[in-house]
């Protein structure tokens, strides 16, 4: 399946990215704010990719976590680790933004 291959490629890319960031000498970009942010982002994407591969193995891949409807194929091609359908993703983003505004 092309989606599985895409996820596996993303996993390898993120693992390699994290390895490279981990071996950079002190005082280089890895220790900078941007480098720390890049590593955090890579870890988050890697976790999402691994979770998607787990859902595939369990037969739950492609179902929205909120409404349980199928996630559109077009969306999965663009974001193969997507947990939500497009509609629920918009709701999820809106709720998170409101929570951040209220907390900060």
PDB file of N, CA and C in Angstrom:
ATOM      1  N   UNK A   1       0.852  -1.190   0.000  1.00  0.00           N
ATOM      2  CA  UNK A   1       0.000   0.000   0.000  1.00  0.00           C
ATOM      3  C   UNK A   1       0.890   1.244   0.000  1.00  0.00           C
ATOM      4  N   UNK A   2       0.571   2.192  -0.830  1.00  0.00           N
ATOM      5  CA  UNK A   2       1.378   3.404  -0.965  1.00  0.00           C
ATOM      6  C   UNK A   2       1.392   4.225   0.321  1.00  0.00           C
ATOM      7  N   UNK A   3       0.288   4.269   1.040  1.00  0.00           N
ATOM      8  CA  UNK A   3       0.233   5.055   2.280  1.00  0.00           C
ATOM      9  C   UNK A   3       1.174   4.469   3.329  1.00  0.00           C
ATOM     10  N   UNK A   4       1.230   3.158   3.427  1.00  0.00           N
ATOM     11  CA  UNK A   4       2.138   2.509   4.378  1.00  0.00           C
ATOM     12  C   UNK A   4       3.587   2.837   4.012  1.00  0.00           C
ATOM     13  N   UNK A   5       3.914   2.751   2.729  1.00  0.00           N
ATOM     14  CA  UNK A   5       5.270   3.057   2.280  1.00  0.00           C
ATOM     15  C   UNK A   5       5.628   4.510   2.593  1.00  0.00           C
ATOM     16  N   UNK A   6       4.679   5.405   2.382  1.00  0.00           N
ATOM     17  CA  UNK A   6       4.902   6.820   2.680  1.00  0.00           C
ATOM     18  C   UNK A   6       5.180   6.999   4.168  1.00  0.00           C
ATOM     19  N   UNK A   7       4.390   6.350   5.006  1.00  0.00           N
ATOM     20  CA  UNK A   7       4.592   6.451   6.455  1.00  0.00           C
ATOM     21  C   UNK A   7       5.948   5.872   6.859  1.00  0.00           C
ATOM     22  N   UNK A   8       6.317   4.753   6.276  1.00  0.00           N
ATOM     23  CA  UNK A   8       7.603   4.142   6.601  1.00  0.00           C
ATOM     24  C   UNK A   8       8.762   5.041   6.177  1.00  0.00           C
ATOM     25  N   UNK A   9       8.640   5.682   5.017  1.00  0.00           N
ATOM     26  CA  UNK A   9       9.663   6.626   4.563  1.00  0.00           C
ATOM     27  C   UNK A   9       9.747   7.823   5.505  1.00  0.00           C
ATOM     28  N   UNK A  10       8.591   8.327   5.937  1.00  0.00           N
ATOM     29  CA  UNK A  10       8.585   9.444   6.875  1.00  0.00           C
ATOM     30  C   UNK A  10       9.245   9.053   8.193  1.00  0.00           C
ATOM     31  N   UNK A  11       8.960   7.831   8.647  1.00  0.00           N
ATOM     32  CA  UNK A  11       9.574   7.365   9.900  1.00  0.00           C
ATOM     33  C   UNK A  11      11.090   7.332   9.768  1.00  0.00           C
ATOM     34  N   UNK A  12      11.591   6.762   8.668  1.00  0.00           N
ATOM     35  CA  UNK A  12      13.037   6.709   8.458  1.00  0.00           C
ATOM     36  C   UNK A  12      13.641   8.108   8.379  1.00  0.00           C
ATOM     37  N   UNK A  13      12.970   9.014   7.679  1.00  0.00           N
ATOM     38  CA  UNK A  13      13.463  10.384   7.551  1.00  0.00           C
ATOM     39  C   UNK A  13      13.559  11.055   8.916  1.00  0.00           C
ATOM     40  N   UNK A  14      12.499  10.948   9.727  1.00  0.00           N
ATOM     41  CA  UNK A  14      12.495  11.599  11.051  1.00  0.00           C
ATOM     42  C   UNK A  14      13.518  10.971  11.984  1.00  0.00           C
ATOM     43  N   UNK A  15      13.673   9.643  11.920  1.00  0.00           N
ATOM     44  CA  UNK A  15      14.681   8.995  12.758  1.00  0.00           C
ATOM     45  C   UNK A  15      16.080   9.477  12.387  1.00  0.00           C
ATOM     46  N   UNK A  16      16.346   9.566  11.094  1.00  0.00           N
ATOM     47  CA  UNK A  16      17.653  10.058  10.637  1.00  0.00           C
ATOM     48  C   UNK A  16      17.849  11.518  11.030  1.00  0.00           C
ATOM     49  N   UNK A  17      16.811  12.319  10.891  1.00  0.00           N
ATOM     50  CA  UNK A  17      16.876  13.733  11.267  1.00  0.00           C
ATOM     51  C   UNK A  17      17.219  13.862  12.754  1.00  0.00           C
ATOM     52  N   UNK A  18      16.589  13.079  13.597  1.00  0.00           N
ATOM     53  CA  UNK A  18      16.865  13.128  15.032  1.00  0.00           C
ATOM     54  C   UNK A  18      18.280  12.637  15.345  1.00  0.00           C
ATOM     55  N   UNK A  19      18.744  11.615  14.639  1.00  0.00           N
ATOM     56  CA  UNK A  19      20.122  11.142  14.836  1.00  0.00           C
ATOM     57  C   UNK A  19      21.122  12.242  14.497  1.00  0.00           C
ATOM     58  N   UNK A  20      20.896  12.916  13.380  1.00  0.00           N
ATOM     59  CA  UNK A  20      21.815  13.989  12.964  1.00  0.00           C
ATOM     60  C   UNK A  20      21.803  15.141  13.960  1.00  0.00           C
ATOM     61  N   UNK A  21      20.635  15.495  14.441  1.00  0.00           N
ATOM     62  CA  UNK A  21      20.558  16.581  15.423  1.00  0.00           C
ATOM     63  C   UNK A  21      21.238  16.193  16.734  1.00  0.00           C
ATOM     64  N   UNK A  22      21.186  14.918  17.088  1.00  0.00           N
ATOM     65  CA  UNK A  22      21.764  14.460  18.358  1.00  0.00           C
ATOM     66  C   UNK A  22      23.284  14.456  18.337  1.00  0.00           C
ATOM     67  N   UNK A  23      23.891  14.327  17.162  1.00  0.00           N
ATOM     68  CA  UNK A  23      25.357  14.224  17.104  1.00  0.00           C
ATOM     69  C   UNK A  23      26.048  15.530  16.742  1.00  0.00           C
ATOM     70  N   UNK A  24      25.300  16.593  16.565  1.00  0.00           N
ATOM     71  CA  UNK A  24      25.937  17.874  16.261  1.00  0.00           C
ATOM     72  C   UNK A  24      26.709  18.357  17.487  1.00  0.00           C
ATOM     73  N   UNK A  25      27.896  18.903  17.281  1.00  0.00           N
ATOM     74  CA  UNK A  25      28.687  19.374  18.418  1.00  0.00           C
ATOM     75  C   UNK A  25      28.032  20.555  19.125  1.00  0.00           C
ATOM     76  N   UNK A  26      28.359  20.745  20.405  1.00  0.00           N
ATOM     77  CA  UNK A  26      27.822  21.889  21.143  1.00  0.00           C
ATOM     78  C   UNK A  26      28.165  23.201  20.438  1.00  0.00           C
ATOM     79  N   UNK A  27      27.257  24.151  20.557  1.00  0.00           N
ATOM     80  CA  UNK A  27      27.472  25.455  19.936  1.00  0.00           C
ATOM     81  C   UNK A  27      27.011  25.532  18.495  1.00  0.00           C
ATOM     82  N   UNK A  28      26.511  24.410  17.956  1.00  0.00           N
ATOM     83  CA  UNK A  28      25.989  24.436  16.590  1.00  0.00           C
ATOM     84  C   UNK A  28      24.479  24.591  16.640  1.00  0.00           C
ATOM     85  N   UNK A  29      23.865  24.470  15.493  1.00  0.00           N
ATOM     86  CA  UNK A  29      22.425  24.700  15.382  1.00  0.00           C
ATOM     87  C   UNK A  29      21.581  23.802  16.284  1.00  0.00           C
ATOM     88  N   UNK A  30      22.073  22.625  16.632  1.00  0.00           N
ATOM     89  CA  UNK A  30      21.268  21.699  17.437  1.00  0.00           C
ATOM     90  C   UNK A  30      20.928  22.290  18.797  1.00  0.00           C
ATOM     91  N   UNK A  31      21.828  23.079  19.350  1.00  0.00           N
ATOM     92  CA  UNK A  31      21.581  23.662  20.651  1.00  0.00           C
ATOM     93  C   UNK A  31      20.838  24.976  20.604  1.00  0.00           C
ATOM     94  N   UNK A  32      20.641  25.485  19.421  1.00  0.00           N
ATOM     95  CA  UNK A  32      19.933  26.757  19.298  1.00  0.00           C
ATOM     96  C   UNK A  32      18.443  26.547  19.504  1.00  0.00           C
ATOM     97  N   UNK A  33      17.744  27.644  19.687  1.00  0.00           N
ATOM     98  CA  UNK A  33      16.289  27.561  19.856  1.00  0.00           C
ATOM     99  C   UNK A  33      15.643  26.905  18.639  1.00  0.00           C
ATOM    100  N   UNK A  34      16.146  27.254  17.456  1.00  0.00           N
ATOM    101  CA  UNK A  34      15.598  26.666  16.223  1.00  0.00           C
ATOM    102  C   UNK A  34      15.882  25.175  16.173  1.00  0.00           C
ATOM    103  N   UNK A  35      17.079  24.767  16.564  1.00  0.00           N
ATOM    104  CA  UNK A  35      17.438  23.353  16.554  1.00  0.00           C
ATOM    105  C   UNK A  35      16.610  22.555  17.544  1.00  0.00           C
ATOM    106  N   UNK A  36      16.375  23.122  18.711  1.00  0.00           N
ATOM    107  CA  UNK A  36      15.553  22.455  19.729  1.00  0.00           C
ATOM    108  C   UNK A  36      14.124  22.321  19.218  1.00  0.00           C
ATOM    109  N   UNK A  37      13.623  23.373  18.585  1.00  0.00           N
ATOM    110  CA  UNK A  37      12.277  23.327  18.013  1.00  0.00           C
ATOM    111  C   UNK A  37      12.169  22.309  16.892  1.00  0.00           C
ATOM    112  N   UNK A  38      13.210  22.221  16.065  1.00  0.00           N
ATOM    113  CA  UNK A  38      13.219  21.261  14.966  1.00  0.00           C
ATOM    114  C   UNK A  38      13.204  19.834  15.506  1.00  0.00           C
ATOM    115  N   UNK A  39      13.992  19.587  16.524  1.00  0.00           N
ATOM    116  CA  UNK A  39      14.020  18.250  17.124  1.00  0.00           C
ATOM    117  C   UNK A  39      12.669  17.913  17.755  1.00  0.00           C
ATOM    118  N   UNK A  40      12.064  18.869  18.441  1.00  0.00           N
ATOM    119  CA  UNK A  40      10.752  18.633  19.056  1.00  0.00           C
ATOM    120  C   UNK A  40       9.708  18.337  17.989  1.00  0.00           C
ATOM    121  N   UNK A  41       9.747  19.087  16.910  1.00  0.00           N
ATOM    122  CA  UNK A  41       8.805  18.868  15.814  1.00  0.00           C
ATOM    123  C   UNK A  41       9.018  17.488  15.191  1.00  0.00           C
ATOM    124  N   UNK A  42      10.272  17.120  14.983  1.00  0.00           N
ATOM    125  CA  UNK A  42      10.572  15.809  14.397  1.00  0.00           C
ATOM    126  C   UNK A  42      10.078  14.689  15.303  1.00  0.00           C
ATOM    127  N   UNK A  43      10.245  14.840  16.625  1.00  0.00           N
ATOM    128  CA  UNK A  43       9.759  13.825  17.565  1.00  0.00           C
ATOM    129  C   UNK A  43       8.233  13.723  17.520  1.00  0.00           C
ATOM    130  N   UNK A  44       7.545  14.857  17.410  1.00  0.00           N
ATOM    131  CA  UNK A  44       6.075  14.845  17.353  1.00  0.00           C
ATOM    132  C   UNK A  44       5.592  14.154  16.081  1.00  0.00           C
ATOM    133  N   UNK A  45       6.203  14.500  14.943  1.00  0.00           N
ATOM    134  CA  UNK A  45       5.796  13.876  13.680  1.00  0.00           C
ATOM    135  C   UNK A  45       6.104  12.384  13.720  1.00  0.00           C
ATOM    136  N   UNK A  46       7.272  12.026  14.245  1.00  0.00           N
ATOM    137  CA  UNK A  46       7.632  10.616  14.350  1.00  0.00           C
ATOM    138  C   UNK A  46       6.612   9.861  15.196  1.00  0.00           C
ATOM    139  N   UNK A  47       6.197  10.434  16.301  1.00  0.00           N
ATOM    140  CA  UNK A  47       5.182   9.789  17.151  1.00  0.00           C
ATOM    141  C   UNK A  47       3.863   9.631  16.397  1.00  0.00           C
ATOM    142  N   UNK A  48       3.468  10.647  15.640  1.00  0.00           N
ATOM    143  CA  UNK A  48       2.232  10.570  14.850  1.00  0.00           C
ATOM    144  C   UNK A  48       2.337   9.484  13.774  1.00  0.00           C
ATOM    145  N   UNK A  49       3.495   9.411  13.118  1.00  0.00           N
ATOM    146  CA  UNK A  49       3.711   8.407  12.071  1.00  0.00           C
ATOM    147  C   UNK A  49       3.673   7.006  12.678  1.00  0.00           C
ATOM    148  N   UNK A  50       4.351   6.823  13.805  1.00  0.00           N
ATOM    149  CA  UNK A  50       4.345   5.510  14.446  1.00  0.00           C
ATOM    150  C   UNK A  50       2.938   5.128  14.917  1.00  0.00           C
ATOM    151  N   UNK A  51       2.181   6.104  15.401  1.00  0.00           N
ATOM    152  CA  UNK A  51       0.802   5.834  15.805  1.00  0.00           C
ATOM    153  C   UNK A  51      -0.037   5.419  14.592  1.00  0.00           C
ATOM    154  N   UNK A  52       0.172   6.075  13.461  1.00  0.00           N
ATOM    155  CA  UNK A  52      -0.570   5.720  12.243  1.00  0.00           C
ATOM    156  C   UNK A  52      -0.211   4.310  11.787  1.00  0.00           C
ATOM    157  N   UNK A  53       1.066   3.957  11.849  1.00  0.00           N
ATOM    158  CA  UNK A  53       1.467   2.597  11.484  1.00  0.00           C
ATOM    159  C   UNK A  53       0.845   1.578  12.441  1.00  0.00           C
ATOM    160  N   UNK A  54       0.739   1.942  13.711  1.00  0.00           N
ATOM    161  CA  UNK A  54       0.075   1.073  14.684  1.00  0.00           C
ATOM    162  C   UNK A  54      -1.395   0.895  14.360  1.00  0.00           C
ATOM    163  N   UNK A  55      -2.062   1.994  13.968  1.00  0.00           N
ATOM    164  CA  UNK A  55      -3.482   1.901  13.589  1.00  0.00           C
ATOM    165  C   UNK A  55      -3.640   1.009  12.359  1.00  0.00           C
ATOM    166  N   UNK A  56      -2.690   1.095  11.427  1.00  0.00           N
ATOM    167  CA  UNK A  56      -2.737   0.226  10.245  1.00  0.00           C
ATOM    168  C   UNK A  56      -2.652  -1.240  10.660  1.00  0.00           C
ATOM    169  N   UNK A  57      -1.715  -1.543  11.537  1.00  0.00           N
ATOM    170  CA  UNK A  57      -1.521  -2.924  11.980  1.00  0.00           C
ATOM    171  C   UNK A  57      -2.758  -3.460  12.695  1.00  0.00           C
ATOM    172  N   UNK A  58      -3.474  -2.570  13.379  1.00  0.00           N
ATOM    173  CA  UNK A  58      -4.676  -2.970  14.131  1.00  0.00           C
ATOM    174  C   UNK A  58      -5.953  -2.902  13.300  1.00  0.00           C
ATOM    175  N   UNK A  59      -5.849  -2.418  12.061  1.00  0.00           N
ATOM    176  CA  UNK A  59      -7.023  -2.309  11.205  1.00  0.00           C
ATOM    177  C   UNK A  59      -7.902  -1.109  11.502  1.00  0.00           C
ATOM    178  N   UNK A  60      -7.362  -0.105  12.207  1.00  0.00           N
ATOM    179  CA  UNK A  60      -8.140   1.094  12.550  1.00  0.00           C
ATOM    180  C   UNK A  60      -7.711   2.320  11.761  1.00  0.00           C
ATOM    181  N   UNK A  61      -6.791   2.144  10.826  1.00  0.00           N
ATOM    182  CA  UNK A  61      -6.268   3.270  10.061  1.00  0.00           C
ATOM    183  C   UNK A  61      -7.330   3.841   9.133  1.00  0.00           C
ATOM    184  N   UNK A  62      -7.336   5.177   9.017  1.00  0.00           N
ATOM    185  CA  UNK A  62      -8.247   5.825   8.087  1.00  0.00           C
ATOM    186  C   UNK A  62      -9.609   6.152   8.675  1.00  0.00           C
ATOM    187  N   UNK A  63      -9.778   5.968   9.977  1.00  0.00           N
ATOM    188  CA  UNK A  63     -11.019   6.332  10.664  1.00  0.00           C
ATOM    189  C   UNK A  63     -10.747   7.526  11.560  1.00  0.00           C
ATOM    190  N   UNK A  64     -11.638   8.490  11.524  1.00  0.00           N
ATOM    191  CA  UNK A  64     -11.509   9.697  12.331  1.00  0.00           C
ATOM    192  C   UNK A  64     -11.630   9.345  13.819  1.00  0.00           C
ATOM    193  N   UNK A  65     -10.751   9.899  14.632  1.00  0.00           N
ATOM    194  CA  UNK A  65     -10.784   9.639  16.076  1.00  0.00           C
ATOM    195  C   UNK A  65     -12.004  10.256  16.750  1.00  0.00           C
ATOM    196  N   UNK A  66     -12.584  11.291  16.154  1.00  0.00           N
ATOM    197  CA  UNK A  66     -13.730  11.949  16.781  1.00  0.00           C
ATOM    198  C   UNK A  66     -15.060  11.393  16.295  1.00  0.00           C
ATOM    199  N   UNK A  67     -15.296  11.452  14.991  1.00  0.00           N
ATOM    200  CA  UNK A  67     -16.612  11.058  14.471  1.00  0.00           C
ATOM    201  C   UNK A  67     -16.660   9.608  13.991  1.00  0.00           C
ATOM    202  N   UNK A  68     -15.506   8.950  13.910  1.00  0.00           N
ATOM    203  CA  UNK A  68     -15.380   7.547  13.475  1.00  0.00           C
ATOM    204  C   UNK A  68     -15.732   7.322  12.000  1.00  0.00           C
ATOM    205  N   UNK A  69     -15.927   8.397  11.262  1.00  0.00           N
ATOM    206  CA  UNK A  69     -16.164   8.258   9.825  1.00  0.00           C
ATOM    207  C   UNK A  69     -14.820   8.078   9.123  1.00  0.00           C
ATOM    208  N   UNK A  70     -14.839   7.586   7.883  1.00  0.00           N
ATOM    209  CA  UNK A  70     -13.582   7.439   7.155  1.00  0.00           C
ATOM    210  C   UNK A  70     -12.934   8.808   6.897  1.00  0.00           C
ATOM    211  N   UNK A  71     -11.619   8.825   7.025  1.00  0.00           N
ATOM    212  CA  UNK A  71     -10.849  10.007   6.649  1.00  0.00           C
ATOM    213  C   UNK A  71     -10.691   9.923   5.133  1.00  0.00           C
ATOM    214  N   UNK A  72     -10.941  11.031   4.440  1.00  0.00           N
ATOM    215  CA  UNK A  72     -10.882  11.035   2.983  1.00  0.00           C
ATOM    216  C   UNK A  72      -9.527  10.605   2.440  1.00  0.00           C
ATOM    217  N   UNK A  73      -9.547   9.822   1.389  1.00  0.00           N
ATOM    218  CA  UNK A  73      -8.313   9.325   0.761  1.00  0.00           C
ATOM    219  C   UNK A  73      -7.399  10.489   0.375  1.00  0.00           C
ATOM    220  N   UNK A  74      -7.999  11.569  -0.153  1.00  0.00           N
ATOM    221  CA  UNK A  74      -7.197  12.734  -0.567  1.00  0.00           C
ATOM    222  C   UNK A  74      -6.423  13.291   0.632  1.00  0.00           C
ATOM    223  N   UNK A  75      -7.080  13.339   1.782  1.00  0.00           N
ATOM    224  CA  UNK A  75      -6.436  13.842   2.996  1.00  0.00           C
ATOM    225  C   UNK A  75      -5.307  12.911   3.425  1.00  0.00           C
ATOM    226  N   UNK A  76      -5.548  11.602   3.367  1.00  0.00           N
ATOM    227  CA  UNK A  76      -4.525  10.640   3.766  1.00  0.00           C
ATOM    228  C   UNK A  76      -3.321  10.666   2.832  1.00  0.00           C
ATOM    229  N   UNK A  77      -3.549  10.956   1.568  1.00  0.00           N
ATOM    230  CA  UNK A  77      -2.424  11.059   0.641  1.00  0.00           C
ATOM    231  C   UNK A  77      -1.545  12.247   1.018  1.00  0.00           C
ATOM    232  N   UNK A  78      -2.171  13.347   1.427  1.00  0.00           N
ATOM    233  CA  UNK A  78      -1.428  14.551   1.806  1.00  0.00           C
ATOM    234  C   UNK A  78      -0.828  14.422   3.197  1.00  0.00           C
ATOM    235  N   UNK A  79      -1.632  13.918   4.145  1.00  0.00           N
ATOM    236  CA  UNK A  79      -1.200  13.764   5.546  1.00  0.00           C
ATOM    237  C   UNK A  79      -1.503  12.326   5.960  1.00  0.00           C
ATOM    238  N   UNK A  80      -0.627  11.381   5.615  1.00  0.00           N
ATOM    239  CA  UNK A  80      -0.947   9.974   5.878  1.00  0.00           C
ATOM    240  C   UNK A  80      -1.071   9.620   7.358  1.00  0.00           C
ATOM    241  N   UNK A  81      -0.556  10.463   8.237  1.00  0.00           N
ATOM    242  CA  UNK A  81      -0.678  10.192   9.670  1.00  0.00           C
ATOM    243  C   UNK A  81      -1.900  10.875  10.284  1.00  0.00           C
ATOM    244  N   UNK A  82      -2.782  11.416   9.447  1.00  0.00           N
ATOM    245  CA  UNK A  82      -3.960  12.149   9.932  1.00  0.00           C
ATOM    246  C   UNK A  82      -4.803  11.283  10.865  1.00  0.00           C
ATOM    247  N   UNK A  83      -5.203  11.880  11.986  1.00  0.00           N
ATOM    248  CA  UNK A  83      -6.066  11.199  12.955  1.00  0.00           C
ATOM    249  C   UNK A  83      -7.527  11.592  12.773  1.00  0.00           C
ATOM    250  N   UNK A  84      -7.754  12.735  12.129  1.00  0.00           N
ATOM    251  CA  UNK A  84      -9.102  13.288  12.020  1.00  0.00           C
ATOM    252  C   UNK A  84      -9.471  13.523  10.564  1.00  0.00           C
ATOM    253  N   UNK A  85     -10.757  13.444  10.274  1.00  0.00           N
ATOM    254  CA  UNK A  85     -11.246  13.854   8.961  1.00  0.00           C
ATOM    255  C   UNK A  85     -11.083  15.377   8.868  1.00  0.00           C
ATOM    256  N   UNK A  86     -11.245  15.927   7.690  1.00  0.00           N
ATOM    257  CA  UNK A  86     -11.022  17.362   7.498  1.00  0.00           C
ATOM    258  C   UNK A  86     -11.934  18.205   8.386  1.00  0.00           C
ATOM    259  N   UNK A  87     -13.202  17.822   8.500  1.00  0.00           N
ATOM    260  CA  UNK A  87     -14.146  18.590   9.318  1.00  0.00           C
ATOM    261  C   UNK A  87     -13.750  18.562  10.794  1.00  0.00           C
ATOM    262  N   UNK A  88     -13.460  17.386  11.307  1.00  0.00           N
ATOM    263  CA  UNK A  88     -13.090  17.273  12.721  1.00  0.00           C
ATOM    264  C   UNK A  88     -11.732  17.909  12.998  1.00  0.00           C
ATOM    265  N   UNK A  89     -10.835  17.901  12.020  1.00  0.00           N
ATOM    266  CA  UNK A  89      -9.540  18.572  12.190  1.00  0.00           C
ATOM    267  C   UNK A  89      -9.754  20.068  12.411  1.00  0.00           C
ATOM    268  N   UNK A  90     -10.665  20.661  11.651  1.00  0.00           N
ATOM    269  CA  UNK A  90     -10.963  22.084  11.829  1.00  0.00           C
ATOM    270  C   UNK A  90     -11.505  22.344  13.228  1.00  0.00           C
ATOM    271  N   UNK A  91     -12.395  21.487  13.705  1.00  0.00           N
ATOM    272  CA  UNK A  91     -12.942  21.633  15.054  1.00  0.00           C
ATOM    273  C   UNK A  91     -11.829  21.484  16.079  1.00  0.00           C
ATOM    274  N   UNK A  92     -10.984  20.491  15.907  1.00  0.00           N
ATOM    275  CA  UNK A  92      -9.878  20.231  16.833  1.00  0.00           C
ATOM    276  C   UNK A  92      -8.937  21.434  16.912  1.00  0.00           C
ATOM    277  N   UNK A  93      -8.582  21.999  15.772  1.00  0.00           N
ATOM    278  CA  UNK A  93      -7.686  23.169  15.737  1.00  0.00           C
ATOM    279  C   UNK A  93      -8.355  24.362  16.414  1.00  0.00           C
ATOM    280  N   UNK A  94      -9.636  24.566  16.141  1.00  0.00           N
ATOM    281  CA  UNK A  94     -10.366  25.693  16.732  1.00  0.00           C
ATOM    282  C   UNK A  94     -10.417  25.568  18.254  1.00  0.00           C
ATOM    283  N   UNK A  95     -10.711  24.375  18.750  1.00  0.00           N
ATOM    284  CA  UNK A  95     -10.787  24.148  20.196  1.00  0.00           C
ATOM    285  C   UNK A  95      -9.423  24.366  20.836  1.00  0.00           C
ATOM    286  N   UNK A  96      -8.359  23.864  20.218  1.00  0.00           N
ATOM    287  CA  UNK A  96      -7.010  24.062  20.768  1.00  0.00           C
ATOM    288  C   UNK A  96      -6.640  25.534  20.811  1.00  0.00           C
ATOM    289  N   UNK A  97      -7.004  26.274  19.769  1.00  0.00           N
ATOM    290  CA  UNK A  97      -6.715  27.706  19.742  1.00  0.00           C
ATOM    291  C   UNK A  97      -7.451  28.424  20.862  1.00  0.00           C
ATOM    292  N   UNK A  98      -8.700  28.058  21.080  1.00  0.00           N
ATOM    293  CA  UNK A  98      -9.493  28.672  22.165  1.00  0.00           C
ATOM    294  C   UNK A  98      -8.898  28.323  23.528  1.00  0.00           C
ATOM    295  N   UNK A  99      -8.429  27.103  23.686  1.00  0.00           N
ATOM    296  CA  UNK A  99      -7.810  26.707  24.948  1.00  0.00           C
ATOM    297  C   UNK A  99      -6.527  27.507  25.198  1.00  0.00           C
ATOM    298  N   UNK A 100      -5.748  27.719  24.148  1.00  0.00           N
ATOM    299  CA  UNK A 100      -4.512  28.500  24.291  1.00  0.00           C
ATOM    300  C   UNK A 100      -4.805  29.932  24.627  1.00  0.00           C
ATOM    301  N   UNK A 101      -5.829  30.502  23.993  1.00  0.00           N
ATOM    302  CA  UNK A 101      -6.212  31.884  24.284  1.00  0.00           C
ATOM    303  C   UNK A 101      -6.669  32.017  25.735  1.00  0.00           C
ATOM    304  N   UNK A 102      -7.440  31.052  26.193  1.00  0.00           N
ATOM    305  CA  UNK A 102      -7.955  31.111  27.555  1.00  0.00           C
ATOM    306  C   UNK A 102      -6.845  30.914  28.595  1.00  0.00           C
ATOM    307  N   UNK A 103      -5.855  30.102  28.246  1.00  0.00           N
ATOM    308  CA  UNK A 103      -4.776  29.811  29.183  1.00  0.00           C
ATOM    309  C   UNK A 103      -3.632  30.791  29.125  1.00  0.00           C
ATOM    310  N   UNK A 104      -3.561  31.606  28.102  1.00  0.00           N
ATOM    311  CA  UNK A 104      -2.377  32.435  27.977  1.00  0.00           C
ATOM    312  C   UNK A 104      -2.694  33.819  27.668  1.00  0.00           C
TER     313      UNK A 104
END
